[in-house]
């Protein structure tokens, strides 16, 4: 089986959907414009530096959604898709995904952003299979702010892909993986892929890709 795995933020999208959702929630008045922005910026800096505490971040990032409830959250996400995400979906990214689908590859998005933010985005790309940070639910089925299972972040992406393979009776040797990512945070899964592709790479990943002879792809200017 040929697997084509895509990171999402700054890989298929030229923006960070998690950070953008935070900015959007601030703009529609869900969060404090000063304290939220300060913490959101710090978490993003931690991510770029490779030191993000994913559990603390998910509690922070989903707090307003959790408090607003499912109906308001769904309404806000529809607005977010129209105003922020759809204008950021570029033809080159759509074409790359379709190229793999047309070749018969099994296409998945593997992202460290939570499922609430990313599932509708995956659908825009025509990708039905999403590995994202899964959110724990309460007895009413609404999110608690905690993470369910292994977060798909850093080494967690390897663990989640391994789980996906195992449920299908497959191992790493049964598949050929092409993985597209922009971030050195994804190095564990890039190293597991037979074809790692540094896509719109950050400076550290670009240098690493050069050193290792990995393909580099620039989807966005």
C-alpha atoms as a PDB file:
ATOM      1  CA  UNK A   1       0.000   0.000   0.000  1.00  0.00           C
ATOM      2  CA  UNK A   2       1.208   3.483  -0.870  1.00  0.00           C
ATOM      3  CA  UNK A   3       0.376   5.976   1.878  1.00  0.00           C
ATOM      4  CA  UNK A   4       0.531   9.702   1.200  1.00  0.00           C
ATOM      5  CA  UNK A   5       0.556  11.498   4.543  1.00  0.00           C
ATOM      6  CA  UNK A   6       0.238  15.260   4.819  1.00  0.00           C
ATOM      7  CA  UNK A   7       0.836  17.574   7.707  1.00  0.00           C
ATOM      8  CA  UNK A   8      -1.684  20.426   7.540  1.00  0.00           C
ATOM      9  CA  UNK A   9      -0.495  23.756   8.920  1.00  0.00           C
ATOM     10  CA  UNK A  10       2.118  25.477   6.743  1.00  0.00           C
ATOM     11  CA  UNK A  11       2.192  22.306   4.629  1.00  0.00           C
ATOM     12  CA  UNK A  12      -1.157  22.097   2.847  1.00  0.00           C
ATOM     13  CA  UNK A  13      -2.188  25.472   4.228  1.00  0.00           C
ATOM     14  CA  UNK A  14       0.025  28.576   4.185  1.00  0.00           C
ATOM     15  CA  UNK A  15      -1.273  29.415   7.677  1.00  0.00           C
ATOM     16  CA  UNK A  16      -1.446  27.699  11.059  1.00  0.00           C
ATOM     17  CA  UNK A  17      -5.116  26.776  11.456  1.00  0.00           C
ATOM     18  CA  UNK A  18      -4.804  26.336  15.221  1.00  0.00           C
ATOM     19  CA  UNK A  19      -3.278  29.773  15.723  1.00  0.00           C
ATOM     20  CA  UNK A  20      -5.712  31.279  13.203  1.00  0.00           C
ATOM     21  CA  UNK A  21      -8.673  29.802  15.088  1.00  0.00           C
ATOM     22  CA  UNK A  22      -7.372  31.480  18.237  1.00  0.00           C
ATOM     23  CA  UNK A  23      -7.138  34.821  16.448  1.00  0.00           C
ATOM     24  CA  UNK A  24     -10.611  34.311  14.992  1.00  0.00           C
ATOM     25  CA  UNK A  25     -12.144  33.496  18.383  1.00  0.00           C
ATOM     26  CA  UNK A  26     -10.556  36.665  19.697  1.00  0.00           C
ATOM     27  CA  UNK A  27     -11.985  38.705  16.814  1.00  0.00           C
ATOM     28  CA  UNK A  28     -15.549  37.480  17.405  1.00  0.00           C
ATOM     29  CA  UNK A  29     -15.327  38.372  21.056  1.00  0.00           C
ATOM     30  CA  UNK A  30     -14.966  34.937  22.604  1.00  0.00           C
ATOM     31  CA  UNK A  31     -11.673  35.679  24.355  1.00  0.00           C
ATOM     32  CA  UNK A  32      -9.901  38.551  26.084  1.00  0.00           C
ATOM     33  CA  UNK A  33      -7.987  40.530  23.416  1.00  0.00           C
ATOM     34  CA  UNK A  34      -4.934  41.118  25.597  1.00  0.00           C
ATOM     35  CA  UNK A  35      -4.399  38.060  27.770  1.00  0.00           C
ATOM     36  CA  UNK A  36      -5.507  35.549  25.140  1.00  0.00           C
ATOM     37  CA  UNK A  37      -3.280  36.997  22.434  1.00  0.00           C
ATOM     38  CA  UNK A  38      -0.288  37.000  24.764  1.00  0.00           C
ATOM     39  CA  UNK A  39      -0.751  33.333  25.679  1.00  0.00           C
ATOM     40  CA  UNK A  40      -1.605  32.314  22.109  1.00  0.00           C
ATOM     41  CA  UNK A  41       1.562  33.966  20.830  1.00  0.00           C
ATOM     42  CA  UNK A  42       3.641  32.276  23.528  1.00  0.00           C
ATOM     43  CA  UNK A  43       2.240  28.827  22.758  1.00  0.00           C
ATOM     44  CA  UNK A  44       2.962  29.377  19.059  1.00  0.00           C
ATOM     45  CA  UNK A  45       6.529  30.406  19.856  1.00  0.00           C
ATOM     46  CA  UNK A  46       6.888  27.274  21.996  1.00  0.00           C
ATOM     47  CA  UNK A  47       5.669  25.166  19.075  1.00  0.00           C
ATOM     48  CA  UNK A  48       8.167  26.732  16.706  1.00  0.00           C
ATOM     49  CA  UNK A  49      10.922  26.151  19.271  1.00  0.00           C
ATOM     50  CA  UNK A  50       9.895  22.508  19.703  1.00  0.00           C
ATOM     51  CA  UNK A  51       9.019  22.865  23.407  1.00  0.00           C
ATOM     52  CA  UNK A  52       5.217  23.043  23.295  1.00  0.00           C
ATOM     53  CA  UNK A  53       3.290  21.304  26.103  1.00  0.00           C
ATOM     54  CA  UNK A  54       0.504  19.935  23.928  1.00  0.00           C
ATOM     55  CA  UNK A  55      -1.819  19.161  26.848  1.00  0.00           C
ATOM     56  CA  UNK A  56      -1.604  22.702  28.268  1.00  0.00           C
ATOM     57  CA  UNK A  57      -2.083  24.133  24.809  1.00  0.00           C
ATOM     58  CA  UNK A  58      -5.179  22.073  23.991  1.00  0.00           C
ATOM     59  CA  UNK A  59      -6.797  23.063  27.299  1.00  0.00           C
ATOM     60  CA  UNK A  60      -6.138  26.694  26.434  1.00  0.00           C
ATOM     61  CA  UNK A  61      -7.122  26.469  22.774  1.00  0.00           C
ATOM     62  CA  UNK A  62     -10.435  24.674  23.383  1.00  0.00           C
ATOM     63  CA  UNK A  63     -11.554  26.551  26.497  1.00  0.00           C
ATOM     64  CA  UNK A  64     -13.748  29.092  24.697  1.00  0.00           C
ATOM     65  CA  UNK A  65     -15.262  26.383  22.470  1.00  0.00           C
ATOM     66  CA  UNK A  66     -16.024  24.248  25.499  1.00  0.00           C
ATOM     67  CA  UNK A  67     -17.748  27.123  27.267  1.00  0.00           C
ATOM     68  CA  UNK A  68     -19.799  28.235  24.263  1.00  0.00           C
ATOM     69  CA  UNK A  69     -21.224  24.777  23.586  1.00  0.00           C
ATOM     70  CA  UNK A  70     -21.756  22.715  20.459  1.00  0.00           C
ATOM     71  CA  UNK A  71     -24.310  24.888  18.642  1.00  0.00           C
ATOM     72  CA  UNK A  72     -22.381  28.136  18.955  1.00  0.00           C
ATOM     73  CA  UNK A  73     -19.095  26.372  18.226  1.00  0.00           C
ATOM     74  CA  UNK A  74     -20.403  24.861  14.999  1.00  0.00           C
ATOM     75  CA  UNK A  75     -21.798  28.216  13.871  1.00  0.00           C
ATOM     76  CA  UNK A  76     -18.491  29.958  14.603  1.00  0.00           C
ATOM     77  CA  UNK A  77     -16.508  27.272  12.789  1.00  0.00           C
ATOM     78  CA  UNK A  78     -18.606  27.700   9.654  1.00  0.00           C
ATOM     79  CA  UNK A  79     -17.778  31.408   9.739  1.00  0.00           C
ATOM     80  CA  UNK A  80     -14.102  30.570  10.343  1.00  0.00           C
ATOM     81  CA  UNK A  81     -14.079  28.300   7.303  1.00  0.00           C
ATOM     82  CA  UNK A  82     -15.608  30.957   5.071  1.00  0.00           C
ATOM     83  CA  UNK A  83     -13.540  33.905   6.261  1.00  0.00           C
ATOM     84  CA  UNK A  84     -10.177  32.329   7.114  1.00  0.00           C
ATOM     85  CA  UNK A  85      -9.678  28.825   5.736  1.00  0.00           C
ATOM     86  CA  UNK A  86     -11.228  28.820   2.267  1.00  0.00           C
ATOM     87  CA  UNK A  87      -9.284  31.919   1.150  1.00  0.00           C
ATOM     88  CA  UNK A  88      -6.117  30.129   2.322  1.00  0.00           C
ATOM     89  CA  UNK A  89      -6.677  26.926   0.333  1.00  0.00           C
ATOM     90  CA  UNK A  90      -4.360  27.169  -2.666  1.00  0.00           C
ATOM     91  CA  UNK A  91      -4.670  25.367  -6.025  1.00  0.00           C
ATOM     92  CA  UNK A  92      -1.156  23.916  -5.739  1.00  0.00           C
ATOM     93  CA  UNK A  93      -2.035  22.160  -2.470  1.00  0.00           C
ATOM     94  CA  UNK A  94      -5.325  20.827  -3.818  1.00  0.00           C
ATOM     95  CA  UNK A  95      -3.534  19.567  -6.939  1.00  0.00           C
ATOM     96  CA  UNK A  96      -0.869  17.763  -4.910  1.00  0.00           C
ATOM     97  CA  UNK A  97      -3.469  15.884  -2.874  1.00  0.00           C
ATOM     98  CA  UNK A  98      -5.426  15.006  -6.013  1.00  0.00           C
ATOM     99  CA  UNK A  99      -2.258  13.778  -7.716  1.00  0.00           C
ATOM    100  CA  UNK A 100      -1.823  11.149  -5.011  1.00  0.00           C
ATOM    101  CA  UNK A 101      -5.515  10.245  -5.023  1.00  0.00           C
ATOM    102  CA  UNK A 102      -5.486   9.817  -8.799  1.00  0.00           C
ATOM    103  CA  UNK A 103      -2.440   7.540  -8.449  1.00  0.00           C
ATOM    104  CA  UNK A 104      -4.447   5.297  -6.129  1.00  0.00           C
ATOM    105  CA  UNK A 105      -2.502   6.205  -2.995  1.00  0.00           C
ATOM    106  CA  UNK A 106      -4.213   6.134   0.375  1.00  0.00           C
ATOM    107  CA  UNK A 107      -4.229   9.796   1.437  1.00  0.00           C
ATOM    108  CA  UNK A 108      -4.388  10.981   5.037  1.00  0.00           C
ATOM    109  CA  UNK A 109      -3.834  14.224   6.901  1.00  0.00           C
ATOM    110  CA  UNK A 110      -1.770  13.785  10.064  1.00  0.00           C
ATOM    111  CA  UNK A 111      -1.831  16.942  12.148  1.00  0.00           C
ATOM    112  CA  UNK A 112      -1.072  18.127  15.669  1.00  0.00           C
ATOM    113  CA  UNK A 113      -4.068  20.457  15.520  1.00  0.00           C
ATOM    114  CA  UNK A 114      -7.226  19.233  17.222  1.00  0.00           C
ATOM    115  CA  UNK A 115     -10.088  17.488  15.464  1.00  0.00           C
ATOM    116  CA  UNK A 116     -12.599  20.299  16.055  1.00  0.00           C
ATOM    117  CA  UNK A 117     -10.533  22.745  14.032  1.00  0.00           C
ATOM    118  CA  UNK A 118      -9.257  20.368  11.367  1.00  0.00           C
ATOM    119  CA  UNK A 119     -11.955  17.884  10.370  1.00  0.00           C
ATOM    120  CA  UNK A 120     -13.876  20.367   8.193  1.00  0.00           C
ATOM    121  CA  UNK A 121     -10.566  21.499   6.668  1.00  0.00           C
ATOM    122  CA  UNK A 122      -9.669  17.930   5.695  1.00  0.00           C
ATOM    123  CA  UNK A 123     -13.025  17.673   3.937  1.00  0.00           C
ATOM    124  CA  UNK A 124     -12.189  20.745   1.824  1.00  0.00           C
ATOM    125  CA  UNK A 125      -9.130  18.862   0.574  1.00  0.00           C
ATOM    126  CA  UNK A 126     -11.271  15.825  -0.208  1.00  0.00           C
ATOM    127  CA  UNK A 127      -9.513  13.781   2.474  1.00  0.00           C
ATOM    128  CA  UNK A 128     -11.798  11.583   4.538  1.00  0.00           C
ATOM    129  CA  UNK A 129      -9.103  10.070   6.745  1.00  0.00           C
ATOM    130  CA  UNK A 130      -7.757  12.401   9.439  1.00  0.00           C
ATOM    131  CA  UNK A 131      -5.322  11.733  12.249  1.00  0.00           C
ATOM    132  CA  UNK A 132      -5.584  14.737  14.559  1.00  0.00           C
ATOM    133  CA  UNK A 133      -5.481  15.452  18.273  1.00  0.00           C
ATOM    134  CA  UNK A 134      -8.620  13.729  19.527  1.00  0.00           C
ATOM    135  CA  UNK A 135     -10.577  15.561  22.230  1.00  0.00           C
ATOM    136  CA  UNK A 136     -11.929  13.830  25.316  1.00  0.00           C
ATOM    137  CA  UNK A 137     -15.709  14.044  25.750  1.00  0.00           C
ATOM    138  CA  UNK A 138     -17.973  14.211  28.791  1.00  0.00           C
ATOM    139  CA  UNK A 139     -21.100  12.138  29.400  1.00  0.00           C
ATOM    140  CA  UNK A 140     -23.080  14.505  27.150  1.00  0.00           C
ATOM    141  CA  UNK A 141     -20.566  14.091  24.346  1.00  0.00           C
ATOM    142  CA  UNK A 142     -19.062  17.564  24.588  1.00  0.00           C
ATOM    143  CA  UNK A 143     -15.365  18.320  24.827  1.00  0.00           C
ATOM    144  CA  UNK A 144     -13.683  18.553  28.228  1.00  0.00           C
ATOM    145  CA  UNK A 145     -10.474  20.323  27.238  1.00  0.00           C
ATOM    146  CA  UNK A 146      -8.389  17.180  27.691  1.00  0.00           C
ATOM    147  CA  UNK A 147      -6.814  14.988  25.026  1.00  0.00           C
ATOM    148  CA  UNK A 148      -8.140  11.503  24.332  1.00  0.00           C
ATOM    149  CA  UNK A 149      -5.414   8.952  23.723  1.00  0.00           C
ATOM    150  CA  UNK A 150      -2.061   9.763  22.206  1.00  0.00           C
ATOM    151  CA  UNK A 151      -1.756  13.284  20.788  1.00  0.00           C
ATOM    152  CA  UNK A 152      -0.578  13.319  17.183  1.00  0.00           C
ATOM    153  CA  UNK A 153       2.379  15.550  17.971  1.00  0.00           C
ATOM    154  CA  UNK A 154       6.080  14.827  17.447  1.00  0.00           C
ATOM    155  CA  UNK A 155       6.640  11.128  18.322  1.00  0.00           C
ATOM    156  CA  UNK A 156       2.877  10.861  18.797  1.00  0.00           C
ATOM    157  CA  UNK A 157       2.395  11.059  15.038  1.00  0.00           C
ATOM    158  CA  UNK A 158       4.460   7.898  14.666  1.00  0.00           C
ATOM    159  CA  UNK A 159       2.419   6.203  17.398  1.00  0.00           C
ATOM    160  CA  UNK A 160      -0.898   7.191  15.839  1.00  0.00           C
ATOM    161  CA  UNK A 161       0.124   6.034  12.357  1.00  0.00           C
ATOM    162  CA  UNK A 162       1.339   2.764  13.904  1.00  0.00           C
ATOM    163  CA  UNK A 163      -2.080   2.354  15.547  1.00  0.00           C
ATOM    164  CA  UNK A 164      -3.790   3.010  12.221  1.00  0.00           C
ATOM    165  CA  UNK A 165      -1.624   0.366  10.555  1.00  0.00           C
ATOM    166  CA  UNK A 166      -2.175  -2.165  13.329  1.00  0.00           C
ATOM    167  CA  UNK A 167      -5.973  -1.898  13.128  1.00  0.00           C
ATOM    168  CA  UNK A 168      -5.650  -2.944   9.488  1.00  0.00           C
ATOM    169  CA  UNK A 169      -3.259  -5.795  10.167  1.00  0.00           C
ATOM    170  CA  UNK A 170      -0.376  -3.889   8.628  1.00  0.00           C
ATOM    171  CA  UNK A 171       3.117  -2.979   9.773  1.00  0.00           C
ATOM    172  CA  UNK A 172       5.615  -0.359   8.604  1.00  0.00           C
ATOM    173  CA  UNK A 173       7.154  -2.877   6.190  1.00  0.00           C
ATOM    174  CA  UNK A 174       3.811  -3.395   4.425  1.00  0.00           C
ATOM    175  CA  UNK A 175       3.513   0.183   3.216  1.00  0.00           C
ATOM    176  CA  UNK A 176       5.463   2.814   1.336  1.00  0.00           C
ATOM    177  CA  UNK A 177       4.981   6.158   3.052  1.00  0.00           C
ATOM    178  CA  UNK A 178       5.415   9.567   1.484  1.00  0.00           C
ATOM    179  CA  UNK A 179       5.142  12.239   4.176  1.00  0.00           C
ATOM    180  CA  UNK A 180       4.915  15.958   3.507  1.00  0.00           C
ATOM    181  CA  UNK A 181       5.725  18.336   6.369  1.00  0.00           C
ATOM    182  CA  UNK A 182       7.067  21.832   6.956  1.00  0.00           C
ATOM    183  CA  UNK A 183       8.319  21.390  10.514  1.00  0.00           C
ATOM    184  CA  UNK A 184      11.235  19.818  12.328  1.00  0.00           C
ATOM    185  CA  UNK A 185       8.642  18.875  14.967  1.00  0.00           C
ATOM    186  CA  UNK A 186       7.640  16.151  12.506  1.00  0.00           C
ATOM    187  CA  UNK A 187      11.125  14.678  12.269  1.00  0.00           C
ATOM    188  CA  UNK A 188      10.095  11.374  13.953  1.00  0.00           C
ATOM    189  CA  UNK A 189       7.531  10.599  11.236  1.00  0.00           C
ATOM    190  CA  UNK A 190       9.690  12.024   8.447  1.00  0.00           C
ATOM    191  CA  UNK A 191      12.381   9.542   9.485  1.00  0.00           C
ATOM    192  CA  UNK A 192       9.884   6.662   9.310  1.00  0.00           C
ATOM    193  CA  UNK A 193       8.778   7.570   5.783  1.00  0.00           C
ATOM    194  CA  UNK A 194      10.474   6.014   2.782  1.00  0.00           C
ATOM    195  CA  UNK A 195       9.907   9.306   0.966  1.00  0.00           C
ATOM    196  CA  UNK A 196      10.116  12.319   3.283  1.00  0.00           C
ATOM    197  CA  UNK A 197       9.301  15.614   1.596  1.00  0.00           C
ATOM    198  CA  UNK A 198      10.235  18.855   3.331  1.00  0.00           C
ATOM    199  CA  UNK A 199       7.338  21.025   2.224  1.00  0.00           C
ATOM    200  CA  UNK A 200       7.548  24.807   2.682  1.00  0.00           C
ATOM    201  CA  UNK A 201      10.118  23.879   5.326  1.00  0.00           C
ATOM    202  CA  UNK A 202      11.160  25.968   8.290  1.00  0.00           C
ATOM    203  CA  UNK A 203      14.852  26.879   8.424  1.00  0.00           C
ATOM    204  CA  UNK A 204      15.868  23.908  10.558  1.00  0.00           C
ATOM    205  CA  UNK A 205      14.018  21.366   8.436  1.00  0.00           C
ATOM    206  CA  UNK A 206      15.329  22.921   5.221  1.00  0.00           C
ATOM    207  CA  UNK A 207      18.901  22.496   6.440  1.00  0.00           C
ATOM    208  CA  UNK A 208      18.203  18.960   7.611  1.00  0.00           C
ATOM    209  CA  UNK A 209      16.623  18.055   4.276  1.00  0.00           C
ATOM    210  CA  UNK A 210      19.668  19.426   2.467  1.00  0.00           C
ATOM    211  CA  UNK A 211      22.028  17.455   4.705  1.00  0.00           C
ATOM    212  CA  UNK A 212      20.103  14.209   4.212  1.00  0.00           C
ATOM    213  CA  UNK A 213      19.292  14.608   0.552  1.00  0.00           C
ATOM    214  CA  UNK A 214      15.537  14.752   1.104  1.00  0.00           C
ATOM    215  CA  UNK A 215      13.274  16.280  -1.495  1.00  0.00           C
ATOM    216  CA  UNK A 216      12.230  19.874  -0.809  1.00  0.00           C
ATOM    217  CA  UNK A 217       8.950  21.246  -2.130  1.00  0.00           C
ATOM    218  CA  UNK A 218       7.811  24.860  -2.019  1.00  0.00           C
ATOM    219  CA  UNK A 219       4.044  24.971  -2.560  1.00  0.00           C
ATOM    220  CA  UNK A 220       3.602  28.604  -1.581  1.00  0.00           C
ATOM    221  CA  UNK A 221       5.603  31.719  -2.340  1.00  0.00           C
END
